Amino acid sequence: MYIYNVTINIEDEVKQEWLTWLEGHILDVLNTGKFISAKLTEVLVEEEMGGTTYSVQYTAKTKEDIQKYYQEDAARLRNDGMKKFGDKMVAFRTELRLINEFYPTNANN
């Protein structure tokens, strides 16, 4: 499995509007068919620049699926957010490869 991670810092005055927009954006990305799931998390760190930081983690079956997303969909979908929030947000992207997942052996946890 592969994870396409997008980390975004958004200015607080537009955060609620952005979060509402982001829910639809995540569904648009998933509806490209390149990803099988997505998680939205808040990064629990205080940024010197202010604002609030979030991470969206899209799970893909293959690295090729992520590459197809870049080639076929990324520019169009990124532009939607940049038009609306471009000067209020900073984003960076990383790709991760899942090596293994671990779970507790004690079912009471």
C-alpha atoms as a PDB file:
ATOM      1  CA  MET A   1       0.000   0.000   0.000  1.00  0.00           C
ATOM      2  CA  TYR A   2       1.051   3.576  -0.624  1.00  0.00           C
ATOM      3  CA  ILE A   3       0.036   6.803   1.047  1.00  0.00           C
ATOM      4  CA  TYR A   4      -0.157  10.151  -0.685  1.00  0.00           C
ATOM      5  CA  ASN A   5       0.045  12.659   2.168  1.00  0.00           C
ATOM      6  CA  VAL A   6      -0.928  16.309   1.768  1.00  0.00           C
ATOM      7  CA  THR A   7      -0.059  18.570   4.712  1.00  0.00           C
ATOM      8  CA  ILE A   8      -1.753  21.963   4.703  1.00  0.00           C
ATOM      9  CA  ASN A   9      -1.505  24.986   6.977  1.00  0.00           C
ATOM     10  CA  ILE A  10      -4.605  27.169   6.709  1.00  0.00           C
ATOM     11  CA  GLU A  11      -5.166  30.599   8.210  1.00  0.00           C
ATOM     12  CA  ASP A  12      -7.610  30.487  11.095  1.00  0.00           C
ATOM     13  CA  GLU A  13      -9.999  33.123   9.705  1.00  0.00           C
ATOM     14  CA  VAL A  14     -10.932  30.848   6.770  1.00  0.00           C
ATOM     15  CA  LYS A  15     -10.478  27.486   8.508  1.00  0.00           C
ATOM     16  CA  GLN A  16     -14.182  26.572   8.815  1.00  0.00           C
ATOM     17  CA  GLU A  17     -14.945  27.511   5.204  1.00  0.00           C
ATOM     18  CA  TRP A  18     -11.863  25.583   4.064  1.00  0.00           C
ATOM     19  CA  LEU A  19     -12.802  22.470   6.079  1.00  0.00           C
ATOM     20  CA  THR A  20     -16.249  22.456   4.467  1.00  0.00           C
ATOM     21  CA  TRP A  21     -14.659  22.812   1.019  1.00  0.00           C
ATOM     22  CA  LEU A  22     -12.061  20.141   1.874  1.00  0.00           C
ATOM     23  CA  GLU A  23     -14.684  17.468   2.569  1.00  0.00           C
ATOM     24  CA  GLY A  24     -15.951  17.801  -0.993  1.00  0.00           C
ATOM     25  CA  HIS A  25     -12.404  17.965  -2.343  1.00  0.00           C
ATOM     26  CA  ILE A  26     -11.452  14.706  -0.607  1.00  0.00           C
ATOM     27  CA  LEU A  27     -14.475  13.008  -2.163  1.00  0.00           C
ATOM     28  CA  ASP A  28     -13.492  14.411  -5.578  1.00  0.00           C
ATOM     29  CA  VAL A  29      -9.999  12.933  -5.176  1.00  0.00           C
ATOM     30  CA  LEU A  30     -11.406   9.566  -4.080  1.00  0.00           C
ATOM     31  CA  ASN A  31     -13.842   9.589  -6.997  1.00  0.00           C
ATOM     32  CA  THR A  32     -10.923   9.643  -9.454  1.00  0.00           C
ATOM     33  CA  GLY A  33     -10.628   5.916  -8.688  1.00  0.00           C
ATOM     34  CA  LYS A  34      -6.921   6.154  -7.876  1.00  0.00           C
ATOM     35  CA  PHE A  35      -7.299   5.861  -4.087  1.00  0.00           C
ATOM     36  CA  ILE A  36      -9.164   3.443  -1.843  1.00  0.00           C
ATOM     37  CA  SER A  37      -9.555   5.594   1.283  1.00  0.00           C
ATOM     38  CA  ALA A  38      -8.618   8.883   2.912  1.00  0.00           C
ATOM     39  CA  LYS A  39      -8.015  10.109   6.456  1.00  0.00           C
ATOM     40  CA  LEU A  40      -8.191  13.722   7.580  1.00  0.00           C
ATOM     41  CA  THR A  41      -6.182  14.592  10.688  1.00  0.00           C
ATOM     42  CA  GLU A  42      -5.264  17.750  12.546  1.00  0.00           C
ATOM     43  CA  VAL A  43      -1.541  18.082  13.201  1.00  0.00           C
ATOM     44  CA  LEU A  44      -1.128  18.809  16.905  1.00  0.00           C
ATOM     45  CA  VAL A  45       1.689  21.308  16.732  1.00  0.00           C
ATOM     46  CA  GLU A  46       1.732  25.053  17.187  1.00  0.00           C
ATOM     47  CA  GLU A  47       3.112  26.673  14.079  1.00  0.00           C
ATOM     48  CA  GLU A  48       5.258  29.795  14.359  1.00  0.00           C
ATOM     49  CA  MET A  49       3.466  31.123  11.287  1.00  0.00           C
ATOM     50  CA  GLY A  50       0.080  30.660  12.973  1.00  0.00           C
ATOM     51  CA  GLY A  51      -2.921  28.962  11.469  1.00  0.00           C
ATOM     52  CA  THR A  52      -3.908  25.335  11.846  1.00  0.00           C
ATOM     53  CA  THR A  53      -2.195  22.414  10.150  1.00  0.00           C
ATOM     54  CA  TYR A  54      -3.972  19.371   8.754  1.00  0.00           C
ATOM     55  CA  SER A  55      -2.880  16.197   7.018  1.00  0.00           C
ATOM     56  CA  VAL A  56      -4.917  14.296   4.440  1.00  0.00           C
ATOM     57  CA  GLN A  57      -3.662  10.766   3.848  1.00  0.00           C
ATOM     58  CA  TYR A  58      -4.932   9.087   0.700  1.00  0.00           C
ATOM     59  CA  THR A  59      -4.287   5.336   0.470  1.00  0.00           C
ATOM     60  CA  ALA A  60      -3.484   3.813  -2.927  1.00  0.00           C
ATOM     61  CA  LYS A  61      -2.896   0.203  -3.890  1.00  0.00           C
ATOM     62  CA  THR A  62       0.131   1.007  -6.066  1.00  0.00           C
ATOM     63  CA  LYS A  63       2.632   3.781  -6.681  1.00  0.00           C
ATOM     64  CA  GLU A  64       1.407   3.767 -10.276  1.00  0.00           C
ATOM     65  CA  ASP A  65      -2.053   4.809  -9.057  1.00  0.00           C
ATOM     66  CA  ILE A  66      -0.491   7.892  -7.455  1.00  0.00           C
ATOM     67  CA  GLN A  67       1.424   8.635 -10.651  1.00  0.00           C
ATOM     68  CA  LYS A  68      -1.795   8.357 -12.673  1.00  0.00           C
ATOM     69  CA  TYR A  69      -3.433  10.786 -10.253  1.00  0.00           C
ATOM     70  CA  TYR A  70      -0.594  13.278 -10.872  1.00  0.00           C
ATOM     71  CA  GLN A  71      -0.890  12.877 -14.642  1.00  0.00           C
ATOM     72  CA  GLU A  72      -4.673  12.866 -14.992  1.00  0.00           C
ATOM     73  CA  ASP A  73      -6.240  14.728 -12.062  1.00  0.00           C
ATOM     74  CA  ALA A  74      -3.895  16.570  -9.704  1.00  0.00           C
ATOM     75  CA  ALA A  75      -3.527  19.883 -11.566  1.00  0.00           C
ATOM     76  CA  ARG A  76      -7.274  20.333 -12.011  1.00  0.00           C
ATOM     77  CA  LEU A  77      -8.133  19.412  -8.431  1.00  0.00           C
ATOM     78  CA  ARG A  78      -5.309  21.474  -6.893  1.00  0.00           C
ATOM     79  CA  ASN A  79      -6.330  24.531  -8.891  1.00  0.00           C
ATOM     80  CA  ASP A  80      -9.804  24.481  -7.353  1.00  0.00           C
ATOM     81  CA  GLY A  81      -8.364  25.040  -3.885  1.00  0.00           C
ATOM     82  CA  MET A  82      -5.673  27.452  -5.022  1.00  0.00           C
ATOM     83  CA  LYS A  83      -8.252  29.715  -6.676  1.00  0.00           C
ATOM     84  CA  LYS A  84     -10.315  29.887  -3.512  1.00  0.00           C
ATOM     85  CA  PHE A  85      -7.692  29.753  -0.715  1.00  0.00           C
ATOM     86  CA  GLY A  86      -4.280  30.116  -2.385  1.00  0.00           C
ATOM     87  CA  ASP A  87      -3.048  33.105  -0.403  1.00  0.00           C
ATOM     88  CA  LYS A  88      -4.453  31.695   2.868  1.00  0.00           C
ATOM     89  CA  MET A  89      -2.781  28.280   2.795  1.00  0.00           C
ATOM     90  CA  VAL A  90       0.535  26.525   2.383  1.00  0.00           C
ATOM     91  CA  ALA A  91       0.695  22.859   1.324  1.00  0.00           C
ATOM     92  CA  PHE A  92       3.328  20.228   0.773  1.00  0.00           C
ATOM     93  CA  ARG A  93       3.015  16.666  -0.403  1.00  0.00           C
ATOM     94  CA  THR A  94       4.847  13.443   0.377  1.00  0.00           C
ATOM     95  CA  GLU A  95       4.538   9.849  -0.763  1.00  0.00           C
ATOM     96  CA  LEU A  96       4.902   6.989   1.705  1.00  0.00           C
ATOM     97  CA  ARG A  97       5.126   3.229   1.265  1.00  0.00           C
ATOM     98  CA  LEU A  98       3.499   1.135   3.969  1.00  0.00           C
ATOM     99  CA  ILE A  99       5.967  -1.473   5.205  1.00  0.00           C
ATOM    100  CA  ASN A 100       3.901  -3.124   7.922  1.00  0.00           C
ATOM    101  CA  GLU A 101       1.071  -2.496  10.345  1.00  0.00           C
ATOM    102  CA  PHE A 102       1.175  -3.645  13.942  1.00  0.00           C
ATOM    103  CA  TYR A 103      -1.676  -4.236  16.366  1.00  0.00           C
ATOM    104  CA  PRO A 104      -1.643  -5.098  20.063  1.00  0.00           C
ATOM    105  CA  THR A 105      -1.797  -8.785  20.864  1.00  0.00           C
ATOM    106  CA  ASN A 106      -3.948  -8.093  23.912  1.00  0.00           C
ATOM    107  CA  ALA A 107      -7.537  -7.701  22.705  1.00  0.00           C
ATOM    108  CA  ASN A 108      -8.416  -5.678  25.841  1.00  0.00           C
ATOM    109  CA  ASN A 109      -6.504  -2.589  24.598  1.00  0.00           C
END
